[in-house]
């Protein structure tokens, strides 16, 4: 199953000049809990997908009150 099939909103935005935030929101609690409980969203996975060192993944937060997941990563400049 793909994350895009479960989340109703997937977006990225500038959180600061040095950080990008990825937001995932779910319309149904069942889908949110499925992703949250899967253990798939890890700093190692995010780093691998974005070709970053794992220490550049600032954090992954699960926000139960809005059925959302926030992932923050450091930006890299050439």
PDB file of N, CA and C in Angstrom:
ATOM      1  N   UNK A   1       0.847  -1.177   0.000  1.00  0.00           N
ATOM      2  CA  UNK A   1       0.000   0.000   0.000  1.00  0.00           C
ATOM      3  C   UNK A   1       0.893   1.241   0.000  1.00  0.00           C
ATOM      4  N   UNK A   2       0.497   2.241  -0.757  1.00  0.00           N
ATOM      5  CA  UNK A   2       1.273   3.481  -0.844  1.00  0.00           C
ATOM      6  C   UNK A   2       0.711   4.530   0.112  1.00  0.00           C
ATOM      7  N   UNK A   3       1.612   5.340   0.643  1.00  0.00           N
ATOM      8  CA  UNK A   3       1.218   6.419   1.544  1.00  0.00           C
ATOM      9  C   UNK A   3       0.224   7.359   0.877  1.00  0.00           C
ATOM     10  N   UNK A   4       0.415   7.609  -0.408  1.00  0.00           N
ATOM     11  CA  UNK A   4      -0.488   8.503  -1.142  1.00  0.00           C
ATOM     12  C   UNK A   4      -1.917   7.966  -1.190  1.00  0.00           C
ATOM     13  N   UNK A   5      -2.079   6.655  -1.032  1.00  0.00           N
ATOM     14  CA  UNK A   5      -3.416   6.057  -1.020  1.00  0.00           C
ATOM     15  C   UNK A   5      -4.100   6.224   0.331  1.00  0.00           C
ATOM     16  N   UNK A   6      -3.329   6.508   1.373  1.00  0.00           N
ATOM     17  CA  UNK A   6      -3.874   6.606   2.723  1.00  0.00           C
ATOM     18  C   UNK A   6      -4.059   8.045   3.190  1.00  0.00           C
ATOM     19  N   UNK A   7      -3.117   8.912   2.846  1.00  0.00           N
ATOM     20  CA  UNK A   7      -3.159  10.304   3.288  1.00  0.00           C
ATOM     21  C   UNK A   7      -3.990  11.135   2.323  1.00  0.00           C
ATOM     22  N   UNK A   8      -4.728  12.094   2.872  1.00  0.00           N
ATOM     23  CA  UNK A   8      -5.517  12.981   2.011  1.00  0.00           C
ATOM     24  C   UNK A   8      -4.733  14.230   1.635  1.00  0.00           C
ATOM     25  N   UNK A   9      -3.749  14.596   2.439  1.00  0.00           N
ATOM     26  CA  UNK A   9      -2.896  15.759   2.156  1.00  0.00           C
ATOM     27  C   UNK A   9      -1.446  15.343   2.374  1.00  0.00           C
ATOM     28  N   UNK A  10      -0.626  15.575   1.372  1.00  0.00           N
ATOM     29  CA  UNK A  10       0.824  15.391   1.476  1.00  0.00           C
ATOM     30  C   UNK A  10       1.438  16.652   0.903  1.00  0.00           C
ATOM     31  N   UNK A  11       2.167  17.385   1.732  1.00  0.00           N
ATOM     32  CA  UNK A  11       2.743  18.644   1.246  1.00  0.00           C
ATOM     33  C   UNK A  11       4.096  18.906   1.911  1.00  0.00           C
ATOM     34  N   UNK A  12       4.876  19.712   1.245  1.00  0.00           N
ATOM     35  CA  UNK A  12       6.139  20.162   1.832  1.00  0.00           C
ATOM     36  C   UNK A  12       6.117  21.682   1.843  1.00  0.00           C
ATOM     37  N   UNK A  13       6.839  22.239   2.795  1.00  0.00           N
ATOM     38  CA  UNK A  13       6.903  23.696   2.881  1.00  0.00           C
ATOM     39  C   UNK A  13       8.198  24.101   3.571  1.00  0.00           C
ATOM     40  N   UNK A  14       8.570  25.334   3.339  1.00  0.00           N
ATOM     41  CA  UNK A  14       9.739  25.889   4.005  1.00  0.00           C
ATOM     42  C   UNK A  14       9.369  26.202   5.455  1.00  0.00           C
ATOM     43  N   UNK A  15      10.095  25.618   6.373  1.00  0.00           N
ATOM     44  CA  UNK A  15       9.864  25.889   7.788  1.00  0.00           C
ATOM     45  C   UNK A  15      10.776  27.011   8.271  1.00  0.00           C
ATOM     46  N   UNK A  16      11.850  27.225   7.566  1.00  0.00           N
ATOM     47  CA  UNK A  16      12.803  28.296   7.845  1.00  0.00           C
ATOM     48  C   UNK A  16      13.791  28.296   6.683  1.00  0.00           C
ATOM     49  N   UNK A  17      14.755  29.207   6.692  1.00  0.00           N
ATOM     50  CA  UNK A  17      15.758  29.171   5.622  1.00  0.00           C
ATOM     51  C   UNK A  17      16.605  27.897   5.648  1.00  0.00           C
ATOM     52  N   UNK A  18      16.542  27.159   6.756  1.00  0.00           N
ATOM     53  CA  UNK A  18      17.418  26.004   6.929  1.00  0.00           C
ATOM     54  C   UNK A  18      16.687  24.678   7.041  1.00  0.00           C
ATOM     55  N   UNK A  19      15.340  24.715   7.003  1.00  0.00           N
ATOM     56  CA  UNK A  19      14.583  23.500   7.241  1.00  0.00           C
ATOM     57  C   UNK A  19      13.366  23.397   6.326  1.00  0.00           C
ATOM     58  N   UNK A  20      13.070  22.164   5.909  1.00  0.00           N
ATOM     59  CA  UNK A  20      11.868  21.851   5.148  1.00  0.00           C
ATOM     60  C   UNK A  20      11.009  20.930   6.005  1.00  0.00           C
ATOM     61  N   UNK A  21       9.713  21.157   5.956  1.00  0.00           N
ATOM     62  CA  UNK A  21       8.781  20.329   6.708  1.00  0.00           C
ATOM     63  C   UNK A  21       7.853  19.618   5.737  1.00  0.00           C
ATOM     64  N   UNK A  22       7.646  18.346   5.977  1.00  0.00           N
ATOM     65  CA  UNK A  22       6.696  17.541   5.216  1.00  0.00           C
ATOM     66  C   UNK A  22       5.500  17.292   6.132  1.00  0.00           C
ATOM     67  N   UNK A  23       4.302  17.548   5.629  1.00  0.00           N
ATOM     68  CA  UNK A  23       3.086  17.334   6.409  1.00  0.00           C
ATOM     69  C   UNK A  23       2.244  16.268   5.733  1.00  0.00           C
ATOM     70  N   UNK A  24       1.729  15.353   6.527  1.00  0.00           N
ATOM     71  CA  UNK A  24       0.818  14.319   6.060  1.00  0.00           C
ATOM     72  C   UNK A  24      -0.437  14.410   6.922  1.00  0.00           C
ATOM     73  N   UNK A  25      -1.592  14.470   6.285  1.00  0.00           N
ATOM     74  CA  UNK A  25      -2.853  14.503   7.018  1.00  0.00           C
ATOM     75  C   UNK A  25      -3.766  13.409   6.491  1.00  0.00           C
ATOM     76  N   UNK A  26      -4.543  12.854   7.388  1.00  0.00           N
ATOM     77  CA  UNK A  26      -5.413  11.733   7.073  1.00  0.00           C
ATOM     78  C   UNK A  26      -6.853  12.100   7.392  1.00  0.00           C
ATOM     79  N   UNK A  27      -7.780  11.707   6.526  1.00  0.00           N
ATOM     80  CA  UNK A  27      -9.202  11.969   6.755  1.00  0.00           C
ATOM     81  C   UNK A  27      -9.790  10.931   7.702  1.00  0.00           C
ATOM     82  N   UNK A  28      -9.198   9.754   7.717  1.00  0.00           N
ATOM     83  CA  UNK A  28      -9.731   8.672   8.532  1.00  0.00           C
ATOM     84  C   UNK A  28      -8.705   8.229   9.563  1.00  0.00           C
ATOM     85  N   UNK A  29      -9.167   8.116  10.799  1.00  0.00           N
ATOM     86  CA  UNK A  29      -8.269   7.722  11.885  1.00  0.00           C
ATOM     87  C   UNK A  29      -7.666   6.343  11.641  1.00  0.00           C
ATOM     88  N   UNK A  30      -8.405   5.463  11.027  1.00  0.00           N
ATOM     89  CA  UNK A  30      -7.909   4.112  10.746  1.00  0.00           C
ATOM     90  C   UNK A  30      -6.644   4.166   9.891  1.00  0.00           C
ATOM     91  N   UNK A  31      -6.639   5.005   8.865  1.00  0.00           N
ATOM     92  CA  UNK A  31      -5.459   5.137   8.007  1.00  0.00           C
ATOM     93  C   UNK A  31      -4.292   5.764   8.760  1.00  0.00           C
ATOM     94  N   UNK A  32      -4.580   6.785   9.563  1.00  0.00           N
ATOM     95  CA  UNK A  32      -3.537   7.433  10.372  1.00  0.00           C
ATOM     96  C   UNK A  32      -2.895   6.420  11.316  1.00  0.00           C
ATOM     97  N   UNK A  33      -3.725   5.670  12.031  1.00  0.00           N
ATOM     98  CA  UNK A  33      -3.211   4.699  12.996  1.00  0.00           C
ATOM     99  C   UNK A  33      -2.432   3.581  12.302  1.00  0.00           C
ATOM    100  N   UNK A  34      -2.857   3.218  11.099  1.00  0.00           N
ATOM    101  CA  UNK A  34      -2.141   2.203  10.330  1.00  0.00           C
ATOM    102  C   UNK A  34      -0.713   2.652  10.041  1.00  0.00           C
ATOM    103  N   UNK A  35      -0.566   3.895   9.580  1.00  0.00           N
ATOM    104  CA  UNK A  35       0.770   4.424   9.274  1.00  0.00           C
ATOM    105  C   UNK A  35       1.569   4.614  10.559  1.00  0.00           C
ATOM    106  N   UNK A  36       0.951   5.202  11.553  1.00  0.00           N
ATOM    107  CA  UNK A  36       1.644   5.456  12.831  1.00  0.00           C
ATOM    108  C   UNK A  36       2.137   4.152  13.459  1.00  0.00           C
ATOM    109  N   UNK A  37       1.282   3.151  13.463  1.00  0.00           N
ATOM    110  CA  UNK A  37       1.632   1.888  14.104  1.00  0.00           C
ATOM    111  C   UNK A  37       2.540   0.987  13.288  1.00  0.00           C
ATOM    112  N   UNK A  38       2.729   1.298  12.025  1.00  0.00           N
ATOM    113  CA  UNK A  38       3.530   0.439  11.149  1.00  0.00           C
ATOM    114  C   UNK A  38       5.019   0.480  11.482  1.00  0.00           C
ATOM    115  N   UNK A  39       5.473   1.600  12.027  1.00  0.00           N
ATOM    116  CA  UNK A  39       6.904   1.745  12.302  1.00  0.00           C
ATOM    117  C   UNK A  39       7.733   1.994  11.057  1.00  0.00           C
ATOM    118  N   UNK A  40       7.071   2.227   9.928  1.00  0.00           N
ATOM    119  CA  UNK A  40       7.779   2.425   8.658  1.00  0.00           C
ATOM    120  C   UNK A  40       8.435   3.797   8.574  1.00  0.00           C
ATOM    121  N   UNK A  41       7.756   4.827   9.081  1.00  0.00           N
ATOM    122  CA  UNK A  41       8.313   6.187   8.991  1.00  0.00           C
ATOM    123  C   UNK A  41       9.382   6.367  10.065  1.00  0.00           C
ATOM    124  N   UNK A  42      10.620   6.211   9.644  1.00  0.00           N
ATOM    125  CA  UNK A  42      11.769   6.344  10.543  1.00  0.00           C
ATOM    126  C   UNK A  42      12.729   7.382   9.976  1.00  0.00           C
ATOM    127  N   UNK A  43      13.583   7.931  10.813  1.00  0.00           N
ATOM    128  CA  UNK A  43      14.605   8.849  10.298  1.00  0.00           C
ATOM    129  C   UNK A  43      15.469   8.199   9.217  1.00  0.00           C
ATOM    130  N   UNK A  44      15.747   6.922   9.364  1.00  0.00           N
ATOM    131  CA  UNK A  44      16.577   6.227   8.382  1.00  0.00           C
ATOM    132  C   UNK A  44      15.887   6.170   7.018  1.00  0.00           C
ATOM    133  N   UNK A  45      14.586   5.893   7.003  1.00  0.00           N
ATOM    134  CA  UNK A  45      13.851   5.849   5.745  1.00  0.00           C
ATOM    135  C   UNK A  45      13.801   7.227   5.088  1.00  0.00           C
ATOM    136  N   UNK A  46      13.474   8.245   5.871  1.00  0.00           N
ATOM    137  CA  UNK A  46      13.381   9.606   5.334  1.00  0.00           C
ATOM    138  C   UNK A  46      14.732  10.043   4.768  1.00  0.00           C
ATOM    139  N   UNK A  47      15.803   9.764   5.505  1.00  0.00           N
ATOM    140  CA  UNK A  47      17.147  10.123   5.035  1.00  0.00           C
ATOM    141  C   UNK A  47      17.471   9.404   3.729  1.00  0.00           C
ATOM    142  N   UNK A  48      17.128   8.146   3.651  1.00  0.00           N
ATOM    143  CA  UNK A  48      17.397   7.370   2.442  1.00  0.00           C
ATOM    144  C   UNK A  48      16.616   7.912   1.241  1.00  0.00           C
ATOM    145  N   UNK A  49      15.346   8.212   1.439  1.00  0.00           N
ATOM    146  CA  UNK A  49      14.507   8.713   0.350  1.00  0.00           C
ATOM    147  C   UNK A  49      14.970  10.071  -0.173  1.00  0.00           C
ATOM    148  N   UNK A  50      15.494  10.897   0.734  1.00  0.00           N
ATOM    149  CA  UNK A  50      15.923  12.245   0.359  1.00  0.00           C
ATOM    150  C   UNK A  50      17.436  12.350   0.157  1.00  0.00           C
ATOM    151  N   UNK A  51      18.109  11.206   0.237  1.00  0.00           N
ATOM    152  CA  UNK A  51      19.562  11.148   0.052  1.00  0.00           C
ATOM    153  C   UNK A  51      20.285  12.119   0.992  1.00  0.00           C
ATOM    154  N   UNK A  52      19.932  12.001   2.273  1.00  0.00           N
ATOM    155  CA  UNK A  52      20.508  12.841   3.322  1.00  0.00           C
ATOM    156  C   UNK A  52      21.154  11.969   4.385  1.00  0.00           C
ATOM    157  N   UNK A  53      22.093  12.521   5.135  1.00  0.00           N
ATOM    158  CA  UNK A  53      22.567  11.806   6.314  1.00  0.00           C
ATOM    159  C   UNK A  53      21.418  11.721   7.336  1.00  0.00           C
ATOM    160  N   UNK A  54      21.331  10.638   8.046  1.00  0.00           N
ATOM    161  CA  UNK A  54      20.230  10.443   8.985  1.00  0.00           C
ATOM    162  C   UNK A  54      20.167  11.557  10.034  1.00  0.00           C
ATOM    163  N   UNK A  55      21.308  12.140  10.374  1.00  0.00           N
ATOM    164  CA  UNK A  55      21.306  13.212  11.382  1.00  0.00           C
ATOM    165  C   UNK A  55      20.658  14.504  10.867  1.00  0.00           C
ATOM    166  N   UNK A  56      20.407  14.579   9.565  1.00  0.00           N
ATOM    167  CA  UNK A  56      19.717  15.751   9.004  1.00  0.00           C
ATOM    168  C   UNK A  56      18.189  15.639   9.080  1.00  0.00           C
ATOM    169  N   UNK A  57      17.706  14.502   9.547  1.00  0.00           N
ATOM    170  CA  UNK A  57      16.276  14.358   9.817  1.00  0.00           C
ATOM    171  C   UNK A  57      16.068  14.867  11.246  1.00  0.00           C
ATOM    172  N   UNK A  58      15.485  16.052  11.352  1.00  0.00           N
ATOM    173  CA  UNK A  58      15.339  16.712  12.651  1.00  0.00           C
ATOM    174  C   UNK A  58      14.345  15.971  13.531  1.00  0.00           C
ATOM    175  N   UNK A  59      13.258  15.493  12.931  1.00  0.00           N
ATOM    176  CA  UNK A  59      12.287  14.753  13.721  1.00  0.00           C
ATOM    177  C   UNK A  59      11.085  14.318  12.925  1.00  0.00           C
ATOM    178  N   UNK A  60      10.376  13.360  13.494  1.00  0.00           N
ATOM    179  CA  UNK A  60       9.109  12.872  12.963  1.00  0.00           C
ATOM    180  C   UNK A  60       8.129  12.903  14.126  1.00  0.00           C
ATOM    181  N   UNK A  61       7.050  13.673  13.948  1.00  0.00           N
ATOM    182  CA  UNK A  61       6.077  13.831  15.027  1.00  0.00           C
ATOM    183  C   UNK A  61       4.705  13.364  14.568  1.00  0.00           C
ATOM    184  N   UNK A  62       4.054  12.591  15.409  1.00  0.00           N
ATOM    185  CA  UNK A  62       2.697  12.114  15.165  1.00  0.00           C
ATOM    186  C   UNK A  62       1.761  12.963  16.018  1.00  0.00           C
ATOM    187  N   UNK A  63       0.833  13.645  15.362  1.00  0.00           N
ATOM    188  CA  UNK A  63      -0.064  14.576  16.058  1.00  0.00           C
ATOM    189  C   UNK A  63      -1.475  13.985  16.005  1.00  0.00           C
ATOM    190  N   UNK A  64      -1.808  13.243  17.054  1.00  0.00           N
ATOM    191  CA  UNK A  64      -3.072  12.515  17.096  1.00  0.00           C
ATOM    192  C   UNK A  64      -4.289  13.422  16.969  1.00  0.00           C
ATOM    193  N   UNK A  65      -4.211  14.619  17.549  1.00  0.00           N
ATOM    194  CA  UNK A  65      -5.378  15.506  17.589  1.00  0.00           C
ATOM    195  C   UNK A  65      -5.843  15.954  16.204  1.00  0.00           C
ATOM    196  N   UNK A  66      -4.944  15.946  15.212  1.00  0.00           N
ATOM    197  CA  UNK A  66      -5.337  16.362  13.854  1.00  0.00           C
ATOM    198  C   UNK A  66      -5.064  15.275  12.819  1.00  0.00           C
ATOM    199  N   UNK A  67      -4.788  14.065  13.301  1.00  0.00           N
ATOM    200  CA  UNK A  67      -4.487  12.948  12.407  1.00  0.00           C
ATOM    201  C   UNK A  67      -3.400  13.340  11.413  1.00  0.00           C
ATOM    202  N   UNK A  68      -2.331  13.920  11.959  1.00  0.00           N
ATOM    203  CA  UNK A  68      -1.254  14.418  11.113  1.00  0.00           C
ATOM    204  C   UNK A  68       0.113  13.917  11.529  1.00  0.00           C
ATOM    205  N   UNK A  69       1.004  13.940  10.569  1.00  0.00           N
ATOM    206  CA  UNK A  69       2.402  13.581  10.793  1.00  0.00           C
ATOM    207  C   UNK A  69       3.247  14.715  10.223  1.00  0.00           C
ATOM    208  N   UNK A  70       4.200  15.178  11.008  1.00  0.00           N
ATOM    209  CA  UNK A  70       5.105  16.243  10.577  1.00  0.00           C
ATOM    210  C   UNK A  70       6.521  15.679  10.587  1.00  0.00           C
ATOM    211  N   UNK A  71       7.221  15.895   9.470  1.00  0.00           N
ATOM    212  CA  UNK A  71       8.595  15.441   9.329  1.00  0.00           C
ATOM    213  C   UNK A  71       9.433  16.663   8.972  1.00  0.00           C
ATOM    214  N   UNK A  72      10.484  16.914   9.723  1.00  0.00           N
ATOM    215  CA  UNK A  72      11.350  18.065   9.443  1.00  0.00           C
ATOM    216  C   UNK A  72      12.738  17.578   9.079  1.00  0.00           C
ATOM    217  N   UNK A  73      13.272  18.168   7.995  1.00  0.00           N
ATOM    218  CA  UNK A  73      14.626  17.827   7.537  1.00  0.00           C
ATOM    219  C   UNK A  73      15.415  19.113   7.277  1.00  0.00           C
ATOM    220  N   UNK A  74      16.712  19.037   7.448  1.00  0.00           N
ATOM    221  CA  UNK A  74      17.566  20.185   7.165  1.00  0.00           C
ATOM    222  C   UNK A  74      17.749  20.329   5.657  1.00  0.00           C
ATOM    223  N   UNK A  75      17.804  21.575   5.220  1.00  0.00           N
ATOM    224  CA  UNK A  75      18.053  21.866   3.801  1.00  0.00           C
ATOM    225  C   UNK A  75      19.542  21.791   3.532  1.00  0.00           C
ATOM    226  N   UNK A  76      19.869  21.482   2.291  1.00  0.00           N
ATOM    227  CA  UNK A  76      21.257  21.492   1.848  1.00  0.00           C
ATOM    228  C   UNK A  76      21.408  22.478   0.725  1.00  0.00           C
ATOM    229  N   UNK A  77      22.436  23.266   0.798  1.00  0.00           N
ATOM    230  CA  UNK A  77      22.718  24.254  -0.230  1.00  0.00           C
ATOM    231  C   UNK A  77      24.002  23.876  -0.944  1.00  0.00           C
ATOM    232  N   UNK A  78      24.048  24.080  -2.252  1.00  0.00           N
ATOM    233  CA  UNK A  78      25.264  23.729  -3.016  1.00  0.00           C
ATOM    234  C   UNK A  78      26.450  24.597  -2.639  1.00  0.00           C
TER     235      UNK A  78
END
